[in-house]
Amino acid sequence: MLDFSTLSLFKPDDAAFYKKIRLNDYVILCISRNISDYHLDLIEEGFLDKWNSSTGEFLGDGEMKNHVYHYLESLNLSDYLSQDLVDEIVDLMLDYMAKIGEWELIFGEN
């Protein structure tokens, strides 16, 4: 269970605020749908699998979403979790990583 008493001391745009909570806790606080802890943990596993294997590489959000969904397919779980739900969760995970200074979406010039 989260202890929000210390989190209120930080501004929502302060990286220290987000570093006080875990990745999955951030997703649970922000997601607009219900998802089980079990399924969220599996999405986090797929996310971290790609995140940790991509150190030093450019990593786009689409690539991350596809990797996580394929990871779930490899576990035969794609029937239970829609691509749009996985995409929403991966977006929140990337948002969390950006808030703690670990990821930045860079748009190139066309």
N, C-alpha and C. Protein backbone atom coordinates (compact mmCIF):
# COMPACT_ATOMS: atom_id res chain seq x y z
N MET A 1 0.84 -1.17 0.00
CA MET A 1 0.00 0.00 0.00
C MET A 1 0.89 1.25 0.00
N LEU A 2 0.50 2.22 -0.79
CA LEU A 2 1.27 3.45 -0.88
C LEU A 2 1.03 4.35 0.33
N ASP A 3 2.07 5.01 0.77
CA ASP A 3 1.95 6.02 1.81
C ASP A 3 2.06 7.37 1.13
N PHE A 4 0.92 8.03 0.94
CA PHE A 4 0.89 9.29 0.24
C PHE A 4 1.24 10.48 1.13
N SER A 5 1.43 10.27 2.40
CA SER A 5 1.69 11.39 3.31
C SER A 5 2.98 12.13 2.94
N THR A 6 4.01 11.42 2.52
CA THR A 6 5.26 12.09 2.15
C THR A 6 5.23 12.58 0.71
N LEU A 7 4.41 11.97 -0.14
CA LEU A 7 4.36 12.39 -1.53
C LEU A 7 3.79 13.78 -1.69
N SER A 8 2.93 14.20 -0.79
CA SER A 8 2.30 15.51 -0.91
C SER A 8 3.29 16.65 -0.69
N LEU A 9 4.49 16.34 -0.23
CA LEU A 9 5.50 17.38 0.00
C LEU A 9 6.15 17.83 -1.30
N PHE A 10 5.95 17.08 -2.38
CA PHE A 10 6.60 17.36 -3.65
C PHE A 10 5.61 17.91 -4.66
N LYS A 11 6.12 18.71 -5.57
CA LYS A 11 5.29 19.22 -6.65
C LYS A 11 5.09 18.10 -7.67
N PRO A 12 3.93 18.02 -8.31
CA PRO A 12 3.70 16.97 -9.31
C PRO A 12 4.67 16.99 -10.47
N ASP A 13 5.31 18.12 -10.76
CA ASP A 13 6.28 18.16 -11.85
C ASP A 13 7.71 17.91 -11.37
N ASP A 14 7.88 17.58 -10.14
CA ASP A 14 9.18 17.34 -9.53
C ASP A 14 9.53 15.86 -9.67
N ALA A 15 10.69 15.55 -10.27
CA ALA A 15 11.11 14.16 -10.47
C ALA A 15 11.18 13.41 -9.14
N ALA A 16 11.52 14.10 -8.06
CA ALA A 16 11.60 13.44 -6.75
C ALA A 16 10.24 12.89 -6.33
N PHE A 17 9.16 13.56 -6.71
CA PHE A 17 7.82 13.08 -6.42
C PHE A 17 7.61 11.70 -7.02
N TYR A 18 7.99 11.54 -8.27
CA TYR A 18 7.75 10.28 -8.99
C TYR A 18 8.72 9.19 -8.58
N LYS A 19 9.92 9.57 -8.15
CA LYS A 19 10.88 8.56 -7.72
C LYS A 19 10.47 7.92 -6.40
N LYS A 20 9.50 8.51 -5.70
CA LYS A 20 9.01 7.94 -4.44
C LYS A 20 8.05 6.77 -4.68
N ILE A 21 7.55 6.65 -5.90
CA ILE A 21 6.60 5.57 -6.19
C ILE A 21 7.16 4.65 -7.27
N ARG A 22 6.68 3.42 -7.25
CA ARG A 22 7.11 2.45 -8.25
C ARG A 22 6.40 2.70 -9.57
N LEU A 23 6.97 2.14 -10.63
CA LEU A 23 6.39 2.26 -11.96
C LEU A 23 4.94 1.80 -11.98
N ASN A 24 4.66 0.61 -11.46
CA ASN A 24 3.29 0.09 -11.47
C ASN A 24 2.35 0.93 -10.61
N ASP A 25 2.85 1.49 -9.52
CA ASP A 25 2.01 2.35 -8.69
C ASP A 25 1.58 3.59 -9.47
N TYR A 26 2.50 4.14 -10.26
CA TYR A 26 2.17 5.30 -11.09
C TYR A 26 1.07 4.93 -12.09
N VAL A 27 1.21 3.77 -12.73
CA VAL A 27 0.21 3.33 -13.70
C VAL A 27 -1.16 3.19 -13.02
N ILE A 28 -1.20 2.57 -11.86
CA ILE A 28 -2.46 2.37 -11.14
C ILE A 28 -3.09 3.72 -10.79
N LEU A 29 -2.27 4.70 -10.43
CA LEU A 29 -2.80 6.03 -10.09
C LEU A 29 -3.39 6.75 -11.30
N CYS A 30 -2.87 6.44 -12.49
CA CYS A 30 -3.24 7.21 -13.68
C CYS A 30 -4.17 6.50 -14.66
N ILE A 31 -4.25 5.20 -14.60
CA ILE A 31 -4.98 4.46 -15.63
C ILE A 31 -6.49 4.70 -15.53
N SER A 32 -7.13 4.70 -16.68
CA SER A 32 -8.57 4.96 -16.72
C SER A 32 -9.40 3.68 -16.70
N ARG A 33 -8.75 2.53 -16.64
CA ARG A 33 -9.47 1.24 -16.66
C ARG A 33 -8.97 0.36 -15.53
N ASN A 34 -9.70 -0.72 -15.30
CA ASN A 34 -9.28 -1.71 -14.30
C ASN A 34 -8.37 -2.73 -14.95
N ILE A 35 -7.34 -3.13 -14.23
CA ILE A 35 -6.46 -4.20 -14.67
C ILE A 35 -5.94 -4.90 -13.42
N SER A 36 -5.80 -6.20 -13.52
CA SER A 36 -5.33 -6.97 -12.36
C SER A 36 -3.84 -6.71 -12.13
N ASP A 37 -3.43 -6.87 -10.90
CA ASP A 37 -2.00 -6.76 -10.57
C ASP A 37 -1.18 -7.77 -11.37
N TYR A 38 -1.72 -8.96 -11.55
CA TYR A 38 -1.04 -10.02 -12.29
C TYR A 38 -0.74 -9.56 -13.72
N HIS A 39 -1.76 -9.05 -14.41
CA HIS A 39 -1.56 -8.62 -15.79
C HIS A 39 -0.66 -7.39 -15.86
N LEU A 40 -0.79 -6.50 -14.92
CA LEU A 40 0.07 -5.32 -14.90
C LEU A 40 1.53 -5.72 -14.68
N ASP A 41 1.75 -6.69 -13.82
CA ASP A 41 3.12 -7.18 -13.59
C ASP A 41 3.71 -7.79 -14.86
N LEU A 42 2.89 -8.52 -15.63
CA LEU A 42 3.38 -9.12 -16.87
C LEU A 42 3.68 -8.05 -17.92
N ILE A 43 2.86 -7.01 -17.98
CA ILE A 43 3.15 -5.90 -18.89
C ILE A 43 4.44 -5.22 -18.47
N GLU A 44 4.63 -5.04 -17.18
CA GLU A 44 5.87 -4.44 -16.68
C GLU A 44 7.08 -5.32 -17.04
N GLU A 45 6.93 -6.64 -16.95
CA GLU A 45 8.03 -7.54 -17.33
C GLU A 45 8.41 -7.34 -18.79
N GLY A 46 7.41 -7.27 -19.67
CA GLY A 46 7.69 -7.04 -21.09
C GLY A 46 8.32 -5.68 -21.33
N PHE A 47 7.82 -4.68 -20.63
CA PHE A 47 8.37 -3.33 -20.73
C PHE A 47 9.83 -3.31 -20.30
N LEU A 48 10.13 -3.89 -19.14
CA LEU A 48 11.50 -3.88 -18.62
C LEU A 48 12.43 -4.75 -19.45
N ASP A 49 11.90 -5.82 -20.05
CA ASP A 49 12.69 -6.66 -20.95
C ASP A 49 13.24 -5.82 -22.10
N LYS A 50 12.37 -5.04 -22.72
CA LYS A 50 12.79 -4.17 -23.83
C LYS A 50 13.63 -3.01 -23.33
N TRP A 51 13.22 -2.39 -22.24
CA TRP A 51 13.93 -1.25 -21.68
C TRP A 51 15.39 -1.61 -21.36
N ASN A 52 15.57 -2.72 -20.66
CA ASN A 52 16.91 -3.12 -20.22
C ASN A 52 17.79 -3.61 -21.37
N SER A 53 17.18 -4.12 -22.43
CA SER A 53 17.97 -4.60 -23.57
C SER A 53 18.25 -3.49 -24.58
N SER A 54 17.75 -2.30 -24.34
CA SER A 54 17.91 -1.19 -25.29
C SER A 54 18.77 -0.06 -24.75
N THR A 55 19.57 -0.32 -23.75
CA THR A 55 20.41 0.71 -23.14
C THR A 55 21.29 1.36 -24.19
N GLY A 56 21.24 2.68 -24.25
CA GLY A 56 22.07 3.43 -25.18
C GLY A 56 21.51 3.52 -26.58
N GLU A 57 20.36 2.93 -26.84
CA GLU A 57 19.75 2.95 -28.16
C GLU A 57 18.57 3.91 -28.18
N PHE A 58 18.23 4.41 -29.37
CA PHE A 58 17.02 5.17 -29.53
C PHE A 58 15.84 4.22 -29.38
N LEU A 59 14.90 4.56 -28.56
CA LEU A 59 13.76 3.69 -28.31
C LEU A 59 12.48 4.49 -28.47
N GLY A 60 11.72 4.16 -29.49
CA GLY A 60 10.46 4.85 -29.73
C GLY A 60 9.30 4.19 -29.01
N ASP A 61 8.23 4.95 -28.82
CA ASP A 61 7.09 4.42 -28.09
C ASP A 61 6.40 3.30 -28.86
N GLY A 62 6.32 3.40 -30.17
CA GLY A 62 5.69 2.35 -30.98
C GLY A 62 6.45 1.04 -30.88
N GLU A 63 7.76 1.13 -30.92
CA GLU A 63 8.60 -0.06 -30.78
C GLU A 63 8.39 -0.72 -29.42
N MET A 64 8.29 0.11 -28.39
CA MET A 64 8.08 -0.41 -27.04
C MET A 64 6.71 -1.09 -26.93
N LYS A 65 5.68 -0.45 -27.46
CA LYS A 65 4.33 -1.02 -27.41
C LYS A 65 4.27 -2.35 -28.14
N ASN A 66 4.87 -2.42 -29.32
CA ASN A 66 4.85 -3.67 -30.08
C ASN A 66 5.61 -4.77 -29.35
N HIS A 67 6.74 -4.42 -28.76
CA HIS A 67 7.52 -5.42 -28.03
C HIS A 67 6.72 -5.99 -26.86
N VAL A 68 6.09 -5.12 -26.10
CA VAL A 68 5.33 -5.57 -24.93
C VAL A 68 4.17 -6.46 -25.38
N TYR A 69 3.48 -6.07 -26.44
CA TYR A 69 2.34 -6.89 -26.89
C TYR A 69 2.82 -8.25 -27.40
N HIS A 70 3.94 -8.27 -28.14
CA HIS A 70 4.50 -9.55 -28.60
C HIS A 70 4.96 -10.41 -27.42
N TYR A 71 5.48 -9.77 -26.41
CA TYR A 71 5.87 -10.48 -25.19
C TYR A 71 4.65 -11.17 -24.58
N LEU A 72 3.53 -10.45 -24.50
CA LEU A 72 2.30 -11.04 -23.97
C LEU A 72 1.78 -12.15 -24.86
N GLU A 73 1.92 -11.98 -26.18
CA GLU A 73 1.53 -13.05 -27.11
C GLU A 73 2.35 -14.31 -26.86
N SER A 74 3.63 -14.13 -26.57
CA SER A 74 4.50 -15.30 -26.31
C SER A 74 4.07 -16.06 -25.06
N LEU A 75 3.35 -15.38 -24.17
CA LEU A 75 2.83 -15.99 -22.95
C LEU A 75 1.37 -16.44 -23.12
N ASN A 76 0.87 -16.32 -24.36
CA ASN A 76 -0.52 -16.67 -24.68
C ASN A 76 -1.52 -15.84 -23.88
N LEU A 77 -1.20 -14.57 -23.67
CA LEU A 77 -2.08 -13.68 -22.91
C LEU A 77 -2.72 -12.59 -23.75
N SER A 78 -2.41 -12.55 -25.03
CA SER A 78 -2.93 -11.47 -25.86
C SER A 78 -4.45 -11.54 -26.01
N ASP A 79 -5.05 -12.71 -25.79
CA ASP A 79 -6.51 -12.82 -25.86
C ASP A 79 -7.17 -12.11 -24.68
N TYR A 80 -6.46 -11.94 -23.60
CA TYR A 80 -7.01 -11.33 -22.39
C TYR A 80 -6.75 -9.84 -22.29
N LEU A 81 -5.76 -9.36 -23.02
CA LEU A 81 -5.36 -7.96 -22.94
C LEU A 81 -5.34 -7.36 -24.34
N SER A 82 -6.16 -6.36 -24.57
CA SER A 82 -6.23 -5.75 -25.90
C SER A 82 -5.00 -4.88 -26.16
N GLN A 83 -4.71 -4.71 -27.44
CA GLN A 83 -3.59 -3.86 -27.84
C GLN A 83 -3.77 -2.43 -27.32
N ASP A 84 -5.01 -1.93 -27.37
CA ASP A 84 -5.21 -0.54 -26.90
C ASP A 84 -4.99 -0.40 -25.40
N LEU A 85 -5.32 -1.43 -24.62
CA LEU A 85 -5.04 -1.38 -23.18
C LEU A 85 -3.54 -1.43 -22.93
N VAL A 86 -2.86 -2.32 -23.63
CA VAL A 86 -1.40 -2.42 -23.50
C VAL A 86 -0.76 -1.09 -23.90
N ASP A 87 -1.23 -0.50 -24.99
CA ASP A 87 -0.68 0.79 -25.44
C ASP A 87 -0.88 1.88 -24.38
N GLU A 88 -2.06 1.92 -23.77
CA GLU A 88 -2.33 2.92 -22.74
C GLU A 88 -1.37 2.74 -21.56
N ILE A 89 -1.16 1.50 -21.17
CA ILE A 89 -0.27 1.22 -20.03
C ILE A 89 1.18 1.55 -20.38
N VAL A 90 1.62 1.17 -21.58
CA VAL A 90 2.99 1.49 -21.99
C VAL A 90 3.18 3.01 -22.07
N ASP A 91 2.18 3.73 -22.56
CA ASP A 91 2.27 5.20 -22.57
C ASP A 91 2.46 5.74 -21.16
N LEU A 92 1.72 5.19 -20.21
CA LEU A 92 1.87 5.64 -18.82
C LEU A 92 3.25 5.28 -18.26
N MET A 93 3.75 4.11 -18.61
CA MET A 93 5.08 3.71 -18.15
C MET A 93 6.15 4.62 -18.73
N LEU A 94 6.02 4.96 -20.01
CA LEU A 94 6.97 5.88 -20.63
C LEU A 94 6.84 7.29 -20.04
N ASP A 95 5.62 7.69 -19.73
CA ASP A 95 5.40 8.98 -19.08
C ASP A 95 6.11 9.01 -17.73
N TYR A 96 6.01 7.93 -16.98
CA TYR A 96 6.70 7.82 -15.69
C TYR A 96 8.21 7.93 -15.89
N MET A 97 8.73 7.19 -16.88
CA MET A 97 10.18 7.22 -17.12
C MET A 97 10.63 8.63 -17.51
N ALA A 98 9.80 9.33 -18.27
CA ALA A 98 10.13 10.72 -18.64
C ALA A 98 10.12 11.62 -17.41
N LYS A 99 9.16 11.42 -16.52
CA LYS A 99 9.05 12.26 -15.33
C LYS A 99 10.23 12.08 -14.37
N ILE A 100 10.84 10.90 -14.38
CA ILE A 100 12.01 10.70 -13.53
C ILE A 100 13.32 10.95 -14.28
N GLY A 101 13.20 11.43 -15.52
CA GLY A 101 14.39 11.81 -16.29
C GLY A 101 15.10 10.66 -16.98
N GLU A 102 14.41 9.55 -17.21
CA GLU A 102 15.06 8.38 -17.81
C GLU A 102 14.71 8.19 -19.29
N TRP A 103 13.75 8.93 -19.81
CA TRP A 103 13.34 8.77 -21.20
C TRP A 103 12.84 10.10 -21.74
N GLU A 104 13.13 10.33 -23.01
CA GLU A 104 12.65 11.55 -23.65
C GLU A 104 12.26 11.21 -25.08
N LEU A 105 11.06 11.60 -25.44
CA LEU A 105 10.60 11.42 -26.81
C LEU A 105 11.11 12.61 -27.61
N ILE A 106 11.92 12.33 -28.59
CA ILE A 106 12.51 13.37 -29.42
C ILE A 106 11.88 13.27 -30.80
N PHE A 107 11.26 14.35 -31.22
CA PHE A 107 10.66 14.40 -32.53
C PHE A 107 11.67 14.99 -33.51
N GLY A 108 11.92 14.27 -34.59
CA GLY A 108 12.85 14.78 -35.60
C GLY A 108 12.15 15.76 -36.53
N GLU A 109 12.94 16.54 -37.19
CA GLU A 109 12.39 17.48 -38.16
C GLU A 109 12.04 16.72 -39.42
N ASN A 110 10.90 17.07 -40.01
CA ASN A 110 10.46 16.42 -41.27
C ASN A 110 11.06 17.11 -42.45
